[in-house]
Amino acid sequence: MEQVGLLADLAIIFTVSLVVVLLFHRFRLPPVPGFIVAGVLLGPNALGLVNDVTGVERLADVGVILLLFTVGIEFSAGRLRAPRSARAGVVSRRWC
């Protein structure tokens, strides 16, 4: 039965996050602050809608690990071995 409670918490998190991010999109604001606002609203200190905080934290840790893994796959060994000045040039050209 513990899994049912965790799934209900995840459904609440996804639903509230979707609503908040859509509101932010409507006002032409970036989605990342929308996710932060949704997290603040759902956390144990605000509305307290999430019951199993430790279970959600464990899943969040897994999500961060998967995100870092995905970012790591995007880097190639050749780009990492390039001289630092060449990497800085690539970064500056890419973000400008």
Protein backbone atom coordinates (compact mmCIF):
# COMPACT_ATOMS: atom_id res chain seq x y z
CA MET A 1 0.00 0.00 0.00
CA GLU A 2 2.98 2.26 0.41
CA GLN A 3 3.42 2.38 -3.37
CA VAL A 4 -0.15 3.60 -3.86
CA GLY A 5 0.49 6.56 -1.55
CA LEU A 6 3.71 7.37 -3.38
CA LEU A 7 1.96 7.19 -6.75
CA ALA A 8 -0.79 9.49 -5.45
CA ASP A 9 1.88 11.96 -4.28
CA LEU A 10 3.55 11.84 -7.70
CA ALA A 11 0.21 12.40 -9.43
CA ILE A 12 -0.39 15.46 -7.23
CA ILE A 13 3.12 16.76 -7.96
CA PHE A 14 2.75 16.33 -11.73
CA THR A 15 -0.71 17.89 -11.79
CA VAL A 16 0.19 20.96 -9.74
CA SER A 17 3.47 21.39 -11.63
CA LEU A 18 1.63 21.24 -14.95
CA VAL A 19 -0.92 23.84 -13.86
CA VAL A 20 1.73 26.21 -12.47
CA VAL A 21 4.01 25.87 -15.51
CA LEU A 22 1.07 26.49 -17.86
CA LEU A 23 0.22 29.63 -15.89
CA PHE A 24 3.83 30.76 -16.15
CA HIS A 25 3.76 30.04 -19.90
CA ARG A 26 0.59 32.10 -20.27
CA PHE A 27 2.33 35.08 -18.67
CA ARG A 28 5.41 34.45 -20.87
CA LEU A 29 7.64 33.46 -17.96
CA PRO A 30 10.21 30.66 -18.10
CA PRO A 31 9.13 27.24 -16.79
CA VAL A 32 11.98 26.71 -14.30
CA PRO A 33 10.66 29.29 -11.78
CA GLY A 34 7.25 27.65 -12.27
CA PHE A 35 8.67 24.32 -11.13
CA ILE A 36 10.28 26.03 -8.14
CA VAL A 37 6.97 27.68 -7.19
CA ALA A 38 5.18 24.34 -7.55
CA GLY A 39 7.78 22.71 -5.29
CA VAL A 40 7.36 25.41 -2.68
CA LEU A 41 3.58 25.06 -2.79
CA LEU A 42 3.68 21.28 -2.53
CA GLY A 43 6.36 21.07 0.11
CA PRO A 44 5.65 20.15 3.71
CA ASN A 45 5.90 23.76 4.91
CA ALA A 46 3.27 25.33 2.59
CA LEU A 47 0.14 23.42 1.56
CA GLY A 48 1.44 20.04 2.71
CA LEU A 49 -0.27 18.09 -0.07
CA VAL A 50 2.53 15.51 -0.29
CA ASN A 51 2.39 12.92 2.49
CA ASP A 52 5.47 10.74 1.90
CA VAL A 53 8.26 13.33 1.71
CA THR A 54 11.07 10.80 2.10
CA GLY A 55 9.77 8.64 -0.75
CA VAL A 56 9.52 11.65 -3.04
CA GLU A 57 13.04 12.72 -2.01
CA ARG A 58 14.37 9.27 -2.94
CA LEU A 59 12.74 9.50 -6.36
CA ALA A 60 14.09 13.03 -6.78
CA ASP A 61 17.59 11.74 -6.05
CA VAL A 62 17.18 9.09 -8.74
CA GLY A 63 15.97 11.80 -11.13
CA VAL A 64 19.04 13.93 -10.45
CA ILE A 65 21.30 10.93 -11.03
CA LEU A 66 19.59 10.22 -14.36
CA LEU A 67 19.87 13.88 -15.34
CA LEU A 68 23.60 13.93 -14.60
CA PHE A 69 24.02 10.67 -16.51
CA THR A 70 22.26 12.17 -19.53
CA VAL A 71 24.38 15.31 -19.39
CA GLY A 72 27.50 13.14 -19.14
CA ILE A 73 26.52 11.21 -22.26
CA GLU A 74 26.25 14.47 -24.21
CA PHE A 75 29.94 15.26 -23.69
CA SER A 76 32.47 13.62 -25.97
CA ALA A 77 35.96 12.62 -24.84
CA GLY A 78 37.49 14.71 -27.62
CA ARG A 79 35.80 17.87 -26.43
CA LEU A 80 36.90 17.24 -22.87
CA ARG A 81 40.54 16.73 -23.96
CA ALA A 82 40.61 19.98 -25.97
CA PRO A 83 42.72 22.82 -24.56
CA ARG A 84 40.92 25.04 -22.08
CA SER A 85 41.13 28.08 -24.36
CA ALA A 86 39.48 26.16 -27.18
CA ARG A 87 36.70 25.02 -24.86
CA ALA A 88 36.12 28.60 -23.70
CA GLY A 89 35.83 29.69 -27.33
CA VAL A 90 33.30 26.98 -28.06
CA VAL A 91 31.25 27.95 -25.01
CA SER A 92 31.35 31.66 -25.80
CA ARG A 93 30.33 31.10 -29.43
CA ARG A 94 27.60 28.70 -28.46
CA TRP A 95 25.92 30.93 -25.86
CA CYS A 96 26.21 34.25 -27.68
